[in-house]
């Protein structure tokens, strides 16, 4: 049985490829999903890949990851990084490995982006490596979740 990794994406990431390409590049969310699946397959992992602009829906998916015995969660909380105690509380409640991913380096951006509530519930954080950060997160998550190589 393959290890399942949930990859959850927050608000406005559905606009990747057209939204501020000078910051986020030209890859689309479909490109990110393909990268995650291509990275996970040889590691013996399945991917549940989702995006929502609604905070409550993301919380529900975190709960679902627990209910379905997922190996872990890779999350790009996007705009909820700096605001969502609800997502933090959900991540703390599920007690599984969590890797927070940001396409840009949030510490080189506006001051308000430097604080992440989500990081307090994350095993690790990857920021500023473009969409390749997702591949790194999947690779590490496979190891944390004990996936067979």
N, C-alpha and C. Protein backbone atom coordinates (compact mmCIF):
# COMPACT_ATOMS: atom_id res chain seq x y z
N UNK A 1 0.85 -1.19 0.00
CA UNK A 1 0.00 0.00 0.00
C UNK A 1 0.89 1.25 0.00
N UNK A 2 0.62 2.16 -0.89
CA UNK A 2 1.42 3.37 -1.04
C UNK A 2 1.11 4.36 0.08
N UNK A 3 2.11 5.12 0.45
CA UNK A 3 1.93 6.21 1.40
C UNK A 3 1.27 7.37 0.66
N UNK A 4 0.27 7.97 1.29
CA UNK A 4 -0.42 9.10 0.68
C UNK A 4 0.07 10.40 1.32
N UNK A 5 0.41 11.35 0.46
CA UNK A 5 0.81 12.68 0.90
C UNK A 5 -0.23 13.67 0.38
N UNK A 6 -0.78 14.45 1.29
CA UNK A 6 -1.70 15.51 0.91
C UNK A 6 -0.88 16.76 0.57
N UNK A 7 -1.16 17.36 -0.59
CA UNK A 7 -0.53 18.61 -0.99
C UNK A 7 -1.66 19.64 -1.08
N UNK A 8 -1.64 20.57 -0.12
CA UNK A 8 -2.73 21.54 0.00
C UNK A 8 -2.21 22.94 -0.34
N UNK A 9 -2.98 23.64 -1.14
CA UNK A 9 -2.60 24.96 -1.63
C UNK A 9 -3.67 25.98 -1.29
N UNK A 10 -3.23 27.14 -0.80
CA UNK A 10 -4.14 28.18 -0.36
C UNK A 10 -4.55 29.15 -1.44
N UNK A 11 -5.07 30.30 -1.00
CA UNK A 11 -5.70 31.25 -1.91
C UNK A 11 -4.78 31.82 -2.98
N UNK A 12 -5.36 31.99 -4.12
CA UNK A 12 -4.77 32.62 -5.31
C UNK A 12 -3.74 31.75 -6.02
N UNK A 13 -3.42 30.59 -5.48
CA UNK A 13 -2.46 29.73 -6.17
C UNK A 13 -3.07 29.13 -7.44
N UNK A 14 -4.38 29.18 -7.56
CA UNK A 14 -5.03 28.78 -8.81
C UNK A 14 -4.67 29.73 -9.95
N UNK A 15 -4.10 30.89 -9.62
CA UNK A 15 -3.72 31.88 -10.63
C UNK A 15 -2.25 31.79 -11.03
N UNK A 16 -1.54 30.78 -10.52
CA UNK A 16 -0.13 30.62 -10.91
C UNK A 16 -0.02 30.58 -12.42
N UNK A 17 1.04 31.16 -12.91
CA UNK A 17 1.27 31.23 -14.35
C UNK A 17 0.89 32.57 -14.93
N UNK A 18 -0.10 33.22 -14.30
CA UNK A 18 -0.51 34.55 -14.75
C UNK A 18 -0.38 35.59 -13.65
N UNK A 19 -0.41 35.18 -12.41
CA UNK A 19 -0.33 36.10 -11.27
C UNK A 19 1.13 36.47 -10.99
N UNK A 20 1.46 37.72 -11.14
CA UNK A 20 2.78 38.25 -10.83
C UNK A 20 3.91 37.28 -11.22
N UNK A 21 4.04 37.01 -12.52
CA UNK A 21 5.06 36.05 -12.96
C UNK A 21 6.48 36.46 -12.58
N UNK A 22 6.72 37.74 -12.36
CA UNK A 22 8.05 38.18 -11.94
C UNK A 22 8.39 37.67 -10.53
N UNK A 23 7.37 37.34 -9.75
CA UNK A 23 7.59 36.77 -8.41
C UNK A 23 7.42 35.26 -8.40
N UNK A 24 6.37 34.78 -9.06
CA UNK A 24 5.97 33.39 -8.95
C UNK A 24 6.34 32.53 -10.15
N UNK A 25 6.87 33.14 -11.19
CA UNK A 25 7.22 32.39 -12.38
C UNK A 25 6.01 32.15 -13.28
N UNK A 26 6.22 31.35 -14.30
CA UNK A 26 5.16 31.11 -15.29
C UNK A 26 4.55 29.72 -15.19
N UNK A 27 5.05 28.90 -14.29
CA UNK A 27 4.46 27.57 -14.10
C UNK A 27 3.05 27.71 -13.54
N UNK A 28 2.17 26.84 -13.99
CA UNK A 28 0.78 26.85 -13.53
C UNK A 28 0.61 25.88 -12.37
N UNK A 29 -0.54 25.93 -11.73
CA UNK A 29 -0.84 24.98 -10.66
C UNK A 29 -0.87 23.56 -11.20
N UNK A 30 -1.30 23.38 -12.44
CA UNK A 30 -1.26 22.05 -13.07
C UNK A 30 0.19 21.57 -13.20
N UNK A 31 1.11 22.48 -13.50
CA UNK A 31 2.52 22.12 -13.56
C UNK A 31 3.03 21.68 -12.19
N UNK A 32 2.60 22.38 -11.14
CA UNK A 32 3.00 22.01 -9.78
C UNK A 32 2.46 20.62 -9.44
N UNK A 33 1.21 20.37 -9.79
CA UNK A 33 0.62 19.05 -9.51
C UNK A 33 1.39 17.95 -10.23
N UNK A 34 1.73 18.16 -11.50
CA UNK A 34 2.49 17.17 -12.25
C UNK A 34 3.85 16.93 -11.60
N UNK A 35 4.51 18.00 -11.20
CA UNK A 35 5.80 17.88 -10.52
C UNK A 35 5.67 17.04 -9.25
N UNK A 36 4.65 17.30 -8.47
CA UNK A 36 4.43 16.54 -7.23
C UNK A 36 4.18 15.07 -7.52
N UNK A 37 3.33 14.78 -8.50
CA UNK A 37 3.03 13.37 -8.83
C UNK A 37 4.27 12.66 -9.40
N UNK A 38 5.00 13.35 -10.27
CA UNK A 38 6.21 12.75 -10.86
C UNK A 38 7.28 12.50 -9.81
N UNK A 39 7.36 13.36 -8.81
CA UNK A 39 8.34 13.19 -7.73
C UNK A 39 7.91 12.05 -6.81
N UNK A 40 6.63 11.96 -6.53
CA UNK A 40 6.12 10.98 -5.56
C UNK A 40 6.13 9.54 -6.08
N UNK A 41 5.88 9.36 -7.36
CA UNK A 41 5.71 8.00 -7.90
C UNK A 41 6.91 7.10 -7.63
N UNK A 42 8.15 7.49 -7.98
CA UNK A 42 9.27 6.58 -7.72
C UNK A 42 9.56 6.39 -6.22
N UNK A 43 8.99 7.24 -5.39
CA UNK A 43 9.17 7.12 -3.94
C UNK A 43 8.09 6.24 -3.31
N UNK A 44 7.20 5.71 -4.15
CA UNK A 44 6.13 4.85 -3.66
C UNK A 44 5.02 5.60 -2.95
N UNK A 45 4.80 6.83 -3.35
CA UNK A 45 3.78 7.66 -2.71
C UNK A 45 2.68 8.06 -3.69
N UNK A 46 1.49 8.19 -3.15
CA UNK A 46 0.36 8.75 -3.88
C UNK A 46 0.17 10.18 -3.40
N UNK A 47 -0.39 11.00 -4.26
CA UNK A 47 -0.62 12.42 -3.96
C UNK A 47 -2.11 12.72 -4.01
N UNK A 48 -2.60 13.41 -2.98
CA UNK A 48 -3.91 14.06 -3.02
C UNK A 48 -3.57 15.54 -3.14
N UNK A 49 -3.92 16.14 -4.27
CA UNK A 49 -3.51 17.52 -4.58
C UNK A 49 -4.74 18.40 -4.65
N UNK A 50 -4.75 19.46 -3.83
CA UNK A 50 -5.93 20.33 -3.79
C UNK A 50 -5.53 21.79 -3.61
N UNK A 51 -6.43 22.66 -4.04
CA UNK A 51 -6.27 24.11 -3.87
C UNK A 51 -7.62 24.70 -3.51
N UNK A 52 -7.61 25.65 -2.57
CA UNK A 52 -8.85 26.34 -2.23
C UNK A 52 -8.55 27.78 -1.83
N UNK A 53 -9.50 28.64 -2.11
CA UNK A 53 -9.45 30.01 -1.66
C UNK A 53 -10.20 30.18 -0.33
N UNK A 54 -10.73 29.07 0.20
CA UNK A 54 -11.54 29.10 1.42
C UNK A 54 -10.80 28.42 2.58
N UNK A 55 -10.58 29.16 3.63
CA UNK A 55 -9.84 28.67 4.80
C UNK A 55 -10.48 27.42 5.40
N UNK A 56 -11.79 27.43 5.57
CA UNK A 56 -12.48 26.29 6.18
C UNK A 56 -12.32 25.01 5.38
N UNK A 57 -12.29 25.13 4.07
CA UNK A 57 -12.11 23.95 3.22
C UNK A 57 -10.72 23.34 3.44
N UNK A 58 -9.71 24.18 3.60
CA UNK A 58 -8.36 23.69 3.86
C UNK A 58 -8.32 22.97 5.20
N UNK A 59 -8.97 23.53 6.22
CA UNK A 59 -9.05 22.88 7.53
C UNK A 59 -9.72 21.51 7.40
N UNK A 60 -10.79 21.43 6.65
CA UNK A 60 -11.48 20.16 6.44
C UNK A 60 -10.57 19.14 5.77
N UNK A 61 -9.76 19.55 4.81
CA UNK A 61 -8.83 18.63 4.13
C UNK A 61 -7.74 18.15 5.08
N UNK A 62 -7.31 19.01 6.00
CA UNK A 62 -6.32 18.59 7.00
C UNK A 62 -6.92 17.49 7.87
N UNK A 63 -8.17 17.67 8.30
CA UNK A 63 -8.86 16.64 9.07
C UNK A 63 -9.00 15.36 8.26
N UNK A 64 -9.31 15.51 6.98
CA UNK A 64 -9.44 14.34 6.10
C UNK A 64 -8.13 13.57 6.00
N UNK A 65 -7.02 14.28 5.94
CA UNK A 65 -5.71 13.62 5.87
C UNK A 65 -5.51 12.71 7.08
N UNK A 66 -5.94 13.16 8.25
CA UNK A 66 -5.86 12.33 9.45
C UNK A 66 -6.79 11.13 9.34
N UNK A 67 -8.03 11.38 8.95
CA UNK A 67 -9.02 10.31 8.85
C UNK A 67 -8.62 9.24 7.84
N UNK A 68 -7.91 9.64 6.79
CA UNK A 68 -7.48 8.69 5.75
C UNK A 68 -6.08 8.14 6.01
N UNK A 69 -5.52 8.43 7.19
CA UNK A 69 -4.19 7.94 7.59
C UNK A 69 -3.09 8.32 6.60
N UNK A 70 -3.12 9.57 6.16
CA UNK A 70 -2.08 10.06 5.26
C UNK A 70 -0.73 10.04 5.97
N UNK A 71 0.33 9.92 5.18
CA UNK A 71 1.67 9.94 5.74
C UNK A 71 2.12 11.32 6.16
N UNK A 72 1.51 12.35 5.59
CA UNK A 72 1.87 13.72 5.94
C UNK A 72 1.22 14.72 5.01
N UNK A 73 1.49 15.97 5.30
CA UNK A 73 0.89 17.08 4.56
C UNK A 73 1.99 18.04 4.10
N UNK A 74 1.95 18.39 2.82
CA UNK A 74 2.75 19.48 2.28
C UNK A 74 1.75 20.60 2.04
N UNK A 75 2.02 21.77 2.61
CA UNK A 75 1.05 22.86 2.51
C UNK A 75 1.72 24.16 2.10
N UNK A 76 1.13 24.79 1.09
CA UNK A 76 1.47 26.17 0.75
C UNK A 76 0.23 26.98 1.14
N UNK A 77 0.26 27.56 2.34
CA UNK A 77 -0.92 28.26 2.82
C UNK A 77 -1.16 29.61 2.16
N UNK A 78 -0.18 30.07 1.37
CA UNK A 78 -0.30 31.35 0.64
C UNK A 78 -0.73 32.46 1.59
N UNK A 79 -1.77 33.18 1.26
CA UNK A 79 -2.22 34.32 2.06
C UNK A 79 -2.64 33.97 3.48
N UNK A 80 -2.92 32.71 3.75
CA UNK A 80 -3.29 32.31 5.11
C UNK A 80 -2.07 32.11 6.01
N UNK A 81 -0.88 32.17 5.44
CA UNK A 81 0.34 32.01 6.22
C UNK A 81 0.37 32.95 7.40
N UNK A 82 0.03 34.18 7.17
CA UNK A 82 0.19 35.23 8.18
C UNK A 82 -1.07 35.50 8.98
N UNK A 83 -2.14 34.74 8.72
CA UNK A 83 -3.41 35.06 9.37
C UNK A 83 -4.14 33.89 10.01
N UNK A 84 -3.84 32.65 9.62
CA UNK A 84 -4.75 31.56 9.96
C UNK A 84 -4.34 30.75 11.19
N UNK A 85 -4.93 31.13 12.30
CA UNK A 85 -4.79 30.32 13.50
C UNK A 85 -5.61 29.04 13.34
N UNK A 86 -6.70 29.10 12.57
CA UNK A 86 -7.52 27.91 12.35
C UNK A 86 -6.73 26.81 11.63
N UNK A 87 -5.97 27.17 10.61
CA UNK A 87 -5.15 26.17 9.91
C UNK A 87 -4.04 25.67 10.83
N UNK A 88 -3.42 26.55 11.59
CA UNK A 88 -2.41 26.12 12.56
C UNK A 88 -3.01 25.13 13.54
N UNK A 89 -4.15 25.45 14.13
CA UNK A 89 -4.77 24.54 15.09
C UNK A 89 -5.09 23.18 14.48
N UNK A 90 -5.53 23.17 13.22
CA UNK A 90 -5.82 21.90 12.55
C UNK A 90 -4.54 21.09 12.37
N UNK A 91 -3.46 21.74 11.96
CA UNK A 91 -2.19 21.04 11.78
C UNK A 91 -1.67 20.48 13.10
N UNK A 92 -1.80 21.24 14.18
CA UNK A 92 -1.37 20.75 15.49
C UNK A 92 -2.23 19.57 15.95
N UNK A 93 -3.49 19.58 15.58
CA UNK A 93 -4.41 18.52 16.01
C UNK A 93 -4.14 17.19 15.33
N UNK A 94 -3.66 17.20 14.09
CA UNK A 94 -3.51 15.93 13.36
C UNK A 94 -2.24 15.17 13.70
N UNK A 95 -1.25 15.84 14.27
CA UNK A 95 -0.03 15.18 14.73
C UNK A 95 0.60 14.27 13.68
N UNK A 96 0.89 14.84 12.54
CA UNK A 96 1.58 14.13 11.48
C UNK A 96 2.62 15.07 10.89
N UNK A 97 3.59 14.55 10.13
CA UNK A 97 4.57 15.44 9.52
C UNK A 97 3.91 16.46 8.59
N UNK A 98 4.39 17.69 8.68
CA UNK A 98 3.88 18.79 7.85
C UNK A 98 5.08 19.56 7.33
N UNK A 99 5.10 19.81 6.03
CA UNK A 99 6.11 20.68 5.45
C UNK A 99 5.41 21.85 4.79
N UNK A 100 5.79 23.04 5.24
CA UNK A 100 5.26 24.29 4.70
C UNK A 100 6.13 24.71 3.52
N UNK A 101 5.50 25.05 2.41
CA UNK A 101 6.22 25.43 1.19
C UNK A 101 5.75 26.81 0.74
N UNK A 102 6.73 27.63 0.32
CA UNK A 102 6.42 28.92 -0.30
C UNK A 102 7.27 29.04 -1.56
N UNK A 103 6.67 29.45 -2.63
CA UNK A 103 7.38 29.60 -3.90
C UNK A 103 8.40 30.72 -3.80
N UNK A 104 8.03 31.81 -3.16
CA UNK A 104 8.95 32.93 -2.96
C UNK A 104 9.57 32.85 -1.57
N UNK A 105 10.62 33.60 -1.36
CA UNK A 105 11.23 33.68 -0.03
C UNK A 105 10.46 34.74 0.75
N UNK A 106 9.59 34.30 1.64
CA UNK A 106 8.73 35.23 2.37
C UNK A 106 9.54 36.18 3.25
N UNK A 107 10.77 35.83 3.57
CA UNK A 107 11.60 36.68 4.42
C UNK A 107 12.29 37.81 3.65
N UNK A 108 12.21 37.77 2.34
CA UNK A 108 12.75 38.85 1.51
C UNK A 108 11.65 39.76 0.98
N UNK A 109 10.44 39.49 1.43
CA UNK A 109 9.30 40.27 0.95
C UNK A 109 8.85 41.27 2.00
N UNK A 110 7.65 41.77 1.87
CA UNK A 110 7.12 42.77 2.80
C UNK A 110 7.19 42.24 4.24
N UNK A 111 7.39 43.14 5.16
CA UNK A 111 7.55 42.79 6.58
C UNK A 111 6.41 41.91 7.10
N UNK A 112 5.16 42.22 6.72
CA UNK A 112 4.03 41.45 7.24
C UNK A 112 4.06 39.99 6.82
N UNK A 113 4.80 39.65 5.75
CA UNK A 113 4.88 38.27 5.29
C UNK A 113 5.94 37.46 6.06
N UNK A 114 6.71 38.09 6.89
CA UNK A 114 7.81 37.41 7.58
C UNK A 114 7.33 36.48 8.69
N UNK A 115 6.16 36.71 9.23
CA UNK A 115 5.64 35.88 10.32
C UNK A 115 4.66 34.84 9.76
N UNK A 116 4.91 33.58 10.09
CA UNK A 116 4.02 32.50 9.67
C UNK A 116 3.44 31.81 10.89
N UNK A 117 2.11 31.85 10.99
CA UNK A 117 1.46 31.04 12.01
C UNK A 117 1.64 29.56 11.69
N UNK A 118 1.61 29.22 10.42
CA UNK A 118 1.66 27.83 9.98
C UNK A 118 2.97 27.16 10.39
N UNK A 119 4.06 27.90 10.39
CA UNK A 119 5.37 27.33 10.73
C UNK A 119 5.39 26.70 12.11
N UNK A 120 4.58 27.20 13.01
CA UNK A 120 4.53 26.65 14.36
C UNK A 120 3.96 25.23 14.38
N UNK A 121 3.28 24.84 13.33
CA UNK A 121 2.73 23.49 13.22
C UNK A 121 3.45 22.64 12.20
N UNK A 122 4.55 23.16 11.66
CA UNK A 122 5.27 22.47 10.57
C UNK A 122 6.53 21.78 11.08
N UNK A 123 6.81 20.64 10.52
CA UNK A 123 8.05 19.92 10.77
C UNK A 123 9.21 20.68 10.14
N UNK A 124 8.97 21.25 8.95
CA UNK A 124 9.98 22.00 8.24
C UNK A 124 9.35 23.00 7.30
N UNK A 125 10.19 23.92 6.81
CA UNK A 125 9.73 24.99 5.92
C UNK A 125 10.70 25.10 4.75
N UNK A 126 10.14 25.21 3.54
CA UNK A 126 10.94 25.45 2.33
C UNK A 126 10.39 26.72 1.70
N UNK A 127 11.27 27.68 1.48
CA UNK A 127 10.82 28.96 0.91
C UNK A 127 11.84 29.48 -0.08
N UNK A 128 11.34 30.05 -1.18
CA UNK A 128 12.19 30.77 -2.10
C UNK A 128 12.84 29.95 -3.19
N UNK A 129 12.46 28.69 -3.34
CA UNK A 129 13.07 27.83 -4.36
C UNK A 129 12.16 27.60 -5.55
N UNK A 130 11.16 28.45 -5.72
CA UNK A 130 10.23 28.29 -6.82
C UNK A 130 9.39 27.03 -6.62
N UNK A 131 8.80 26.54 -7.70
CA UNK A 131 7.96 25.35 -7.56
C UNK A 131 8.79 24.11 -7.23
N UNK A 132 10.11 24.18 -7.45
CA UNK A 132 10.97 23.05 -7.11
C UNK A 132 10.93 22.74 -5.62
N UNK A 133 10.54 23.73 -4.82
CA UNK A 133 10.38 23.50 -3.39
C UNK A 133 9.37 22.41 -3.09
N UNK A 134 8.35 22.28 -3.94
CA UNK A 134 7.37 21.20 -3.76
C UNK A 134 8.03 19.83 -3.93
N UNK A 135 8.89 19.69 -4.93
CA UNK A 135 9.57 18.41 -5.16
C UNK A 135 10.45 18.06 -3.96
N UNK A 136 11.16 19.04 -3.42
CA UNK A 136 11.97 18.80 -2.23
C UNK A 136 11.09 18.39 -1.06
N UNK A 137 9.96 19.05 -0.91
CA UNK A 137 9.05 18.72 0.18
C UNK A 137 8.49 17.30 0.05
N UNK A 138 8.12 16.91 -1.16
CA UNK A 138 7.61 15.55 -1.39
C UNK A 138 8.69 14.52 -1.07
N UNK A 139 9.91 14.78 -1.51
CA UNK A 139 11.01 13.85 -1.27
C UNK A 139 11.25 13.68 0.23
N UNK A 140 11.30 14.80 0.94
CA UNK A 140 11.52 14.72 2.39
C UNK A 140 10.34 14.09 3.10
N UNK A 141 9.13 14.43 2.67
CA UNK A 141 7.92 13.87 3.30
C UNK A 141 7.89 12.36 3.13
N UNK A 142 8.30 11.88 1.97
CA UNK A 142 8.33 10.42 1.76
C UNK A 142 9.23 9.77 2.81
N UNK A 143 10.36 10.38 3.08
CA UNK A 143 11.26 9.86 4.12
C UNK A 143 10.65 9.94 5.50
N UNK A 144 10.04 11.06 5.84
CA UNK A 144 9.40 11.23 7.15
C UNK A 144 8.27 10.24 7.35
N UNK A 145 7.55 9.96 6.26
CA UNK A 145 6.38 9.07 6.36
C UNK A 145 6.77 7.59 6.25
N UNK A 146 8.05 7.34 6.02
CA UNK A 146 8.50 5.95 5.95
C UNK A 146 8.14 5.26 4.66
N UNK A 147 7.98 6.01 3.58
CA UNK A 147 7.67 5.40 2.28
C UNK A 147 8.83 4.52 1.82
N UNK A 148 8.51 3.49 1.10
CA UNK A 148 9.52 2.58 0.56
C UNK A 148 10.06 3.15 -0.74
N UNK A 149 11.39 3.15 -0.89
CA UNK A 149 11.98 3.63 -2.13
C UNK A 149 12.19 2.47 -3.07
